[in-house]
Amino acid sequence: SAGRVFAEGAHDDTTVHAALMAVFDQAICIQR
């Protein structure tokens, strides 16, 4: 996001999922 690494980790890392939703302004949600 904005020229920086906001988060990184395994594909099933819930912290990464939260970061992904945050950078897209909660327009998406991650579901199992």
PDB file of all heavy atoms in Angstrom:
ATOM      1  N   SER A   1       0.856  -1.184   0.000  1.00  0.00           N
ATOM      2  CA  SER A   1       0.000   0.000   0.000  1.00  0.00           C
ATOM      3  C   SER A   1       0.890   1.233   0.000  1.00  0.00           C
ATOM      4  O   SER A   1       1.861   1.298   0.773  1.00  0.00           O
ATOM      5  CB  SER A   1      -0.901   0.008   1.238  1.00  0.00           C
ATOM      6  OG  SER A   1      -1.727   1.153   1.258  1.00  0.00           O
ATOM      7  N   ALA A   2       0.602   2.168  -0.900  1.00  0.00           N
ATOM      8  CA  ALA A   2       1.294   3.465  -0.949  1.00  0.00           C
ATOM      9  C   ALA A   2       2.813   3.328  -0.973  1.00  0.00           C
ATOM     10  O   ALA A   2       3.532   4.058  -0.289  1.00  0.00           O
ATOM     11  CB  ALA A   2       0.863   4.320   0.238  1.00  0.00           C
ATOM     12  N   GLY A   3       3.314   2.387  -1.784  1.00  0.00           N
ATOM     13  CA  GLY A   3       4.753   2.275  -1.976  1.00  0.00           C
ATOM     14  C   GLY A   3       5.513   1.596  -0.869  1.00  0.00           C
ATOM     15  O   GLY A   3       6.740   1.671  -0.803  1.00  0.00           O
ATOM     16  N   ARG A   4       4.784   0.905   0.015  1.00  0.00           N
ATOM     17  CA  ARG A   4       5.417   0.208   1.129  1.00  0.00           C
ATOM     18  C   ARG A   4       4.828  -1.192   1.277  1.00  0.00           C
ATOM     19  O   ARG A   4       3.701  -1.438   0.862  1.00  0.00           O
ATOM     20  CB  ARG A   4       5.232   0.978   2.437  1.00  0.00           C
ATOM     21  CG  ARG A   4       5.948   2.321   2.476  1.00  0.00           C
ATOM     22  CD  ARG A   4       5.695   3.041   3.793  1.00  0.00           C
ATOM     23  NE  ARG A   4       6.538   4.210   3.938  1.00  0.00           N
ATOM     24  CZ  ARG A   4       6.228   5.417   3.463  1.00  0.00           C
ATOM     25  NH1 ARG A   4       5.077   5.598   2.826  1.00  0.00           N
ATOM     26  NH2 ARG A   4       7.057   6.439   3.623  1.00  0.00           N
ATOM     27  N   VAL A   5       5.591  -2.085   1.907  1.00  0.00           N
ATOM     28  CA  VAL A   5       5.062  -3.397   2.265  1.00  0.00           C
ATOM     29  C   VAL A   5       4.259  -3.238   3.545  1.00  0.00           C
ATOM     30  O   VAL A   5       4.794  -2.848   4.589  1.00  0.00           O
ATOM     31  CB  VAL A   5       6.187  -4.428   2.440  1.00  0.00           C
ATOM     32  CG1 VAL A   5       5.627  -5.732   3.003  1.00  0.00           C
ATOM     33  CG2 VAL A   5       6.875  -4.701   1.107  1.00  0.00           C
ATOM     34  N   PHE A   6       2.974  -3.516   3.454  1.00  0.00           N
ATOM     35  CA  PHE A   6       2.050  -3.335   4.571  1.00  0.00           C
ATOM     36  C   PHE A   6       2.017  -4.583   5.460  1.00  0.00           C
ATOM     37  O   PHE A   6       1.870  -4.485   6.676  1.00  0.00           O
ATOM     38  CB  PHE A   6       0.654  -3.040   4.017  1.00  0.00           C
ATOM     39  CG  PHE A   6      -0.319  -2.500   5.010  1.00  0.00           C
ATOM     40  CD1 PHE A   6      -0.219  -1.190   5.483  1.00  0.00           C
ATOM     41  CD2 PHE A   6      -1.359  -3.288   5.470  1.00  0.00           C
ATOM     42  CE1 PHE A   6      -1.123  -0.694   6.402  1.00  0.00           C
ATOM     43  CE2 PHE A   6      -2.272  -2.798   6.387  1.00  0.00           C
ATOM     44  CZ  PHE A   6      -2.157  -1.495   6.855  1.00  0.00           C
ATOM     45  N   ALA A   7       2.152  -5.756   4.842  1.00  0.00           N
ATOM     46  CA  ALA A   7       2.172  -7.019   5.583  1.00  0.00           C
ATOM     47  C   ALA A   7       2.693  -8.105   4.665  1.00  0.00           C
ATOM     48  O   ALA A   7       2.647  -7.982   3.434  1.00  0.00           O
ATOM     49  CB  ALA A   7       0.772  -7.385   6.087  1.00  0.00           C
ATOM     50  N   GLU A   8       3.185  -9.174   5.258  1.00  0.00           N
ATOM     51  CA  GLU A   8       3.600 -10.343   4.491  1.00  0.00           C
ATOM     52  C   GLU A   8       3.499 -11.567   5.377  1.00  0.00           C
ATOM     53  O   GLU A   8       3.629 -11.488   6.602  1.00  0.00           O
ATOM     54  CB  GLU A   8       5.026 -10.189   3.959  1.00  0.00           C
ATOM     55  CG  GLU A   8       6.080  -9.962   5.028  1.00  0.00           C
ATOM     56  CD  GLU A   8       7.481  -9.914   4.445  1.00  0.00           C
ATOM     57  OE1 GLU A   8       7.881 -10.896   3.759  1.00  0.00           O
ATOM     58  OE2 GLU A   8       8.166  -8.913   4.662  1.00  0.00           O
ATOM     59  N   GLY A   9       3.227 -12.707   4.757  1.00  0.00           N
ATOM     60  CA  GLY A   9       3.129 -13.936   5.519  1.00  0.00           C
ATOM     61  C   GLY A   9       2.502 -15.044   4.709  1.00  0.00           C
ATOM     62  O   GLY A   9       2.250 -14.896   3.506  1.00  0.00           O
ATOM     63  N   ALA A  10       2.248 -16.157   5.360  1.00  0.00           N
ATOM     64  CA  ALA A  10       1.652 -17.317   4.695  1.00  0.00           C
ATOM     65  C   ALA A  10       0.241 -16.995   4.231  1.00  0.00           C
ATOM     66  O   ALA A  10      -0.432 -16.113   4.774  1.00  0.00           O
ATOM     67  CB  ALA A  10       1.638 -18.508   5.646  1.00  0.00           C
ATOM     68  N   HIS A  11      -0.232 -17.737   3.240  1.00  0.00           N
ATOM     69  CA  HIS A  11      -1.541 -17.472   2.648  1.00  0.00           C
ATOM     70  C   HIS A  11      -2.685 -17.657   3.640  1.00  0.00           C
ATOM     71  O   HIS A  11      -3.772 -17.096   3.457  1.00  0.00           O
ATOM     72  CB  HIS A  11      -1.767 -18.378   1.433  1.00  0.00           C
ATOM     73  CG  HIS A  11      -1.988 -19.812   1.798  1.00  0.00           C
ATOM     74  ND1 HIS A  11      -0.956 -20.653   2.150  1.00  0.00           N
ATOM     75  CD2 HIS A  11      -3.119 -20.560   1.885  1.00  0.00           C
ATOM     76  CE1 HIS A  11      -1.436 -21.848   2.419  1.00  0.00           C
ATOM     77  NE2 HIS A  11      -2.743 -21.823   2.277  1.00  0.00           N
ATOM     78  N   ASP A  12      -2.444 -18.427   4.699  1.00  0.00           N
ATOM     79  CA  ASP A  12      -3.491 -18.661   5.691  1.00  0.00           C
ATOM     80  C   ASP A  12      -3.289 -17.850   6.971  1.00  0.00           C
ATOM     81  O   ASP A  12      -3.950 -18.099   7.977  1.00  0.00           O
ATOM     82  CB  ASP A  12      -3.577 -20.153   6.029  1.00  0.00           C
ATOM     83  CG  ASP A  12      -2.246 -20.717   6.534  1.00  0.00           C
ATOM     84  OD1 ASP A  12      -1.239 -19.973   6.541  1.00  0.00           O
ATOM     85  OD2 ASP A  12      -2.225 -21.909   6.918  1.00  0.00           O
ATOM     86  N   ASP A  13      -2.407 -16.862   6.934  1.00  0.00           N
ATOM     87  CA  ASP A  13      -2.116 -16.008   8.090  1.00  0.00           C
ATOM     88  C   ASP A  13      -3.243 -14.987   8.266  1.00  0.00           C
ATOM     89  O   ASP A  13      -3.467 -14.145   7.383  1.00  0.00           O
ATOM     90  CB  ASP A  13      -0.774 -15.307   7.873  1.00  0.00           C
ATOM     91  CG  ASP A  13      -0.290 -14.543   9.089  1.00  0.00           C
ATOM     92  OD1 ASP A  13      -1.126 -14.059   9.881  1.00  0.00           O
ATOM     93  OD2 ASP A  13       0.931 -14.400   9.225  1.00  0.00           O
ATOM     94  N   THR A  14      -3.946 -15.050   9.389  1.00  0.00           N
ATOM     95  CA  THR A  14      -5.073 -14.135   9.598  1.00  0.00           C
ATOM     96  C   THR A  14      -4.629 -12.677   9.701  1.00  0.00           C
ATOM     97  O   THR A  14      -5.405 -11.774   9.383  1.00  0.00           O
ATOM     98  CB  THR A  14      -5.853 -14.534  10.864  1.00  0.00           C
ATOM     99  OG1 THR A  14      -4.965 -14.564  11.991  1.00  0.00           O
ATOM    100  CG2 THR A  14      -6.499 -15.895  10.690  1.00  0.00           C
ATOM    101  N   THR A  15      -3.378 -12.445  10.118  1.00  0.00           N
ATOM    102  CA  THR A  15      -2.863 -11.078  10.155  1.00  0.00           C
ATOM    103  C   THR A  15      -2.737 -10.519   8.740  1.00  0.00           C
ATOM    104  O   THR A  15      -3.057  -9.347   8.492  1.00  0.00           O
ATOM    105  CB  THR A  15      -1.493 -11.030  10.859  1.00  0.00           C
ATOM    106  OG1 THR A  15      -1.625 -11.547  12.184  1.00  0.00           O
ATOM    107  CG2 THR A  15      -0.965  -9.613  10.923  1.00  0.00           C
ATOM    108  N   VAL A  16      -2.291 -11.356   7.823  1.00  0.00           N
ATOM    109  CA  VAL A  16      -2.207 -10.956   6.417  1.00  0.00           C
ATOM    110  C   VAL A  16      -3.600 -10.702   5.864  1.00  0.00           C
ATOM    111  O   VAL A  16      -3.829  -9.732   5.122  1.00  0.00           O
ATOM    112  CB  VAL A  16      -1.467 -12.025   5.592  1.00  0.00           C
ATOM    113  CG1 VAL A  16      -1.558 -11.725   4.102  1.00  0.00           C
ATOM    114  CG2 VAL A  16      -0.011 -12.109   6.023  1.00  0.00           C
ATOM    115  N   HIS A  17      -4.554 -11.547   6.206  1.00  0.00           N
ATOM    116  CA  HIS A  17      -5.936 -11.351   5.751  1.00  0.00           C
ATOM    117  C   HIS A  17      -6.477 -10.012   6.240  1.00  0.00           C
ATOM    118  O   HIS A  17      -7.122  -9.271   5.475  1.00  0.00           O
ATOM    119  CB  HIS A  17      -6.830 -12.484   6.256  1.00  0.00           C
ATOM    120  CG  HIS A  17      -6.465 -13.824   5.708  1.00  0.00           C
ATOM    121  ND1 HIS A  17      -7.041 -14.995   6.158  1.00  0.00           N
ATOM    122  CD2 HIS A  17      -5.579 -14.183   4.731  1.00  0.00           C
ATOM    123  CE1 HIS A  17      -6.525 -16.017   5.484  1.00  0.00           C
ATOM    124  NE2 HIS A  17      -5.638 -15.555   4.628  1.00  0.00           N
ATOM    125  N   ALA A  18      -6.223  -9.677   7.497  1.00  0.00           N
ATOM    126  CA  ALA A  18      -6.699  -8.408   8.047  1.00  0.00           C
ATOM    127  C   ALA A  18      -6.056  -7.233   7.326  1.00  0.00           C
ATOM    128  O   ALA A  18      -6.721  -6.230   7.019  1.00  0.00           O
ATOM    129  CB  ALA A  18      -6.401  -8.342   9.545  1.00  0.00           C
ATOM    130  N   ALA A  19      -4.770  -7.345   7.026  1.00  0.00           N
ATOM    131  CA  ALA A  19      -4.078  -6.286   6.298  1.00  0.00           C
ATOM    132  C   ALA A  19      -4.641  -6.133   4.891  1.00  0.00           C
ATOM    133  O   ALA A  19      -4.804  -5.015   4.393  1.00  0.00           O
ATOM    134  CB  ALA A  19      -2.578  -6.587   6.240  1.00  0.00           C
ATOM    135  N   LEU A  20      -4.946  -7.261   4.256  1.00  0.00           N
ATOM    136  CA  LEU A  20      -5.495  -7.234   2.908  1.00  0.00           C
ATOM    137  C   LEU A  20      -6.843  -6.522   2.889  1.00  0.00           C
ATOM    138  O   LEU A  20      -7.109  -5.677   2.019  1.00  0.00           O
ATOM    139  CB  LEU A  20      -5.625  -8.662   2.397  1.00  0.00           C
ATOM    140  CG  LEU A  20      -5.942  -8.883   0.925  1.00  0.00           C
ATOM    141  CD1 LEU A  20      -4.947  -8.183   0.037  1.00  0.00           C
ATOM    142  CD2 LEU A  20      -5.960 -10.375   0.622  1.00  0.00           C
ATOM    143  N   MET A  21      -7.691  -6.819   3.854  1.00  0.00           N
ATOM    144  CA  MET A  21      -8.987  -6.147   3.933  1.00  0.00           C
ATOM    145  C   MET A  21      -8.810  -4.660   4.221  1.00  0.00           C
ATOM    146  O   MET A  21      -9.524  -3.814   3.673  1.00  0.00           O
ATOM    147  CB  MET A  21      -9.856  -6.818   4.999  1.00  0.00           C
ATOM    148  CG  MET A  21     -10.314  -8.220   4.610  1.00  0.00           C
ATOM    149  SD  MET A  21     -11.482  -8.984   5.786  1.00  0.00           S
ATOM    150  CE  MET A  21     -10.364  -9.402   7.133  1.00  0.00           C
ATOM    151  N   ALA A  22      -7.811  -4.319   5.033  1.00  0.00           N
ATOM    152  CA  ALA A  22      -7.593  -2.918   5.397  1.00  0.00           C
ATOM    153  C   ALA A  22      -7.147  -2.083   4.206  1.00  0.00           C
ATOM    154  O   ALA A  22      -7.642  -0.968   3.998  1.00  0.00           O
ATOM    155  CB  ALA A  22      -6.559  -2.827   6.517  1.00  0.00           C
ATOM    156  N   VAL A  23      -6.226  -2.604   3.379  1.00  0.00           N
ATOM    157  CA  VAL A  23      -5.721  -1.803   2.265  1.00  0.00           C
ATOM    158  C   VAL A  23      -6.770  -1.616   1.182  1.00  0.00           C
ATOM    159  O   VAL A  23      -6.670  -0.696   0.370  1.00  0.00           O
ATOM    160  CB  VAL A  23      -4.420  -2.385   1.662  1.00  0.00           C
ATOM    161  CG1 VAL A  23      -3.318  -2.449   2.703  1.00  0.00           C
ATOM    162  CG2 VAL A  23      -4.657  -3.737   1.012  1.00  0.00           C
ATOM    163  N   PHE A  24      -7.784  -2.489   1.189  1.00  0.00           N
ATOM    164  CA  PHE A  24      -8.905  -2.333   0.255  1.00  0.00           C
ATOM    165  C   PHE A  24     -10.125  -1.705   0.942  1.00  0.00           C
ATOM    166  O   PHE A  24     -11.255  -1.852   0.474  1.00  0.00           O
ATOM    167  CB  PHE A  24      -9.266  -3.671  -0.378  1.00  0.00           C
ATOM    168  CG  PHE A  24      -8.303  -4.113  -1.447  1.00  0.00           C
ATOM    169  CD1 PHE A  24      -7.339  -5.067  -1.178  1.00  0.00           C
ATOM    170  CD2 PHE A  24      -8.341  -3.553  -2.715  1.00  0.00           C
ATOM    171  CE1 PHE A  24      -6.436  -5.469  -2.149  1.00  0.00           C
ATOM    172  CE2 PHE A  24      -7.445  -3.939  -3.701  1.00  0.00           C
ATOM    173  CZ  PHE A  24      -6.484  -4.903  -3.418  1.00  0.00           C
ATOM    174  N   ASP A  25      -9.866  -1.009   2.051  1.00  0.00           N
ATOM    175  CA  ASP A  25     -10.922  -0.253   2.752  1.00  0.00           C
ATOM    176  C   ASP A  25     -12.130  -1.110   3.094  1.00  0.00           C
ATOM    177  O   ASP A  25     -13.275  -0.662   3.006  1.00  0.00           O
ATOM    178  CB  ASP A  25     -11.358   0.965   1.913  1.00  0.00           C
ATOM    179  CG  ASP A  25     -10.236   1.969   1.722  1.00  0.00           C
ATOM    180  OD1 ASP A  25      -9.430   2.131   2.666  1.00  0.00           O
ATOM    181  OD2 ASP A  25     -10.159   2.574   0.639  1.00  0.00           O
ATOM    182  N   GLN A  26     -11.876  -2.354   3.490  1.00  0.00           N
ATOM    183  CA  GLN A  26     -12.919  -3.287   3.915  1.00  0.00           C
ATOM    184  C   GLN A  26     -13.943  -3.586   2.811  1.00  0.00           C
ATOM    185  O   GLN A  26     -15.054  -4.039   3.097  1.00  0.00           O
ATOM    186  CB  GLN A  26     -13.648  -2.755   5.166  1.00  0.00           C
ATOM    187  CG  GLN A  26     -12.733  -2.369   6.307  1.00  0.00           C
ATOM    188  CD  GLN A  26     -11.844  -3.518   6.801  1.00  0.00           C
ATOM    189  OE1 GLN A  26     -12.283  -4.670   6.829  1.00  0.00           O
ATOM    190  NE2 GLN A  26     -10.605  -3.215   7.197  1.00  0.00           N
ATOM    191  N   ALA A  27     -13.558  -3.341   1.548  1.00  0.00           N
ATOM    192  CA  ALA A  27     -14.460  -3.651   0.434  1.00  0.00           C
ATOM    193  C   ALA A  27     -14.508  -5.147   0.147  1.00  0.00           C
ATOM    194  O   ALA A  27     -15.360  -5.607  -0.618  1.00  0.00           O
ATOM    195  CB  ALA A  27     -14.030  -2.903  -0.824  1.00  0.00           C
ATOM    196  N   ILE A  28     -13.586  -5.895   0.738  1.00  0.00           N
ATOM    197  CA  ILE A  28     -13.585  -7.347   0.603  1.00  0.00           C
ATOM    198  C   ILE A  28     -13.521  -7.976   1.988  1.00  0.00           C
ATOM    199  O   ILE A  28     -13.150  -7.314   2.967  1.00  0.00           O
ATOM    200  CB  ILE A  28     -12.388  -7.850  -0.231  1.00  0.00           C
ATOM    201  CG1 ILE A  28     -11.078  -7.472   0.471  1.00  0.00           C
ATOM    202  CG2 ILE A  28     -12.429  -7.324  -1.654  1.00  0.00           C
ATOM    203  CD1 ILE A  28      -9.871  -8.223  -0.014  1.00  0.00           C
ATOM    204  N   CYS A  29     -13.886  -9.237   2.057  1.00  0.00           N
ATOM    205  CA  CYS A  29     -13.645 -10.010   3.273  1.00  0.00           C
ATOM    206  C   CYS A  29     -13.075 -11.358   2.870  1.00  0.00           C
ATOM    207  O   CYS A  29     -13.294 -11.830   1.748  1.00  0.00           O
ATOM    208  CB  CYS A  29     -14.909 -10.154   4.115  1.00  0.00           C
ATOM    209  SG  CYS A  29     -16.308 -10.891   3.259  1.00  0.00           S
ATOM    210  N   ILE A  30     -12.293 -11.937   3.770  1.00  0.00           N
ATOM    211  CA  ILE A  30     -11.640 -13.210   3.506  1.00  0.00           C
ATOM    212  C   ILE A  30     -12.391 -14.293   4.261  1.00  0.00           C
ATOM    213  O   ILE A  30     -12.618 -14.181   5.470  1.00  0.00           O
ATOM    214  CB  ILE A  30     -10.164 -13.193   3.960  1.00  0.00           C
ATOM    215  CG1 ILE A  30      -9.433 -11.957   3.413  1.00  0.00           C
ATOM    216  CG2 ILE A  30      -9.464 -14.481   3.526  1.00  0.00           C
ATOM    217  CD1 ILE A  30      -9.363 -11.883   1.920  1.00  0.00           C
ATOM    218  N   GLN A  31     -12.780 -15.332   3.538  1.00  0.00           N
ATOM    219  CA  GLN A  31     -13.541 -16.420   4.146  1.00  0.00           C
ATOM    220  C   GLN A  31     -12.865 -17.755   3.863  1.00  0.00           C
ATOM    221  O   GLN A  31     -12.226 -17.932   2.819  1.00  0.00           O
ATOM    222  CB  GLN A  31     -14.970 -16.447   3.599  1.00  0.00           C
ATOM    223  CG  GLN A  31     -15.779 -15.191   3.896  1.00  0.00           C
ATOM    224  CD  GLN A  31     -17.183 -15.259   3.328  1.00  0.00           C
ATOM    225  OE1 GLN A  31     -17.536 -16.190   2.600  1.00  0.00           O
ATOM    226  NE2 GLN A  31     -18.005 -14.272   3.658  1.00  0.00           N
ATOM    227  N   ARG A  32     -13.011 -18.664   4.794  1.00  0.00           N
ATOM    228  CA  ARG A  32     -12.487 -20.014   4.589  1.00  0.00           C
ATOM    229  C   ARG A  32     -13.483 -20.844   3.778  1.00  0.00           C
ATOM    230  O   ARG A  32     -14.688 -20.798   4.022  1.00  0.00           O
ATOM    231  CB  ARG A  32     -12.242 -20.709   5.933  1.00  0.00           C
ATOM    232  CG  ARG A  32     -11.684 -22.122   5.788  1.00  0.00           C
ATOM    233  CD  ARG A  32     -11.563 -22.800   7.135  1.00  0.00           C
ATOM    234  NE  ARG A  32     -10.455 -22.267   7.902  1.00  0.00           N
ATOM    235  CZ  ARG A  32      -9.186 -22.688   7.803  1.00  0.00           C
ATOM    236  NH1 ARG A  32      -8.875 -23.642   6.924  1.00  0.00           N
ATOM    237  NH2 ARG A  32      -8.243 -22.175   8.547  1.00  0.00           N
TER     238      ARG A  32
END
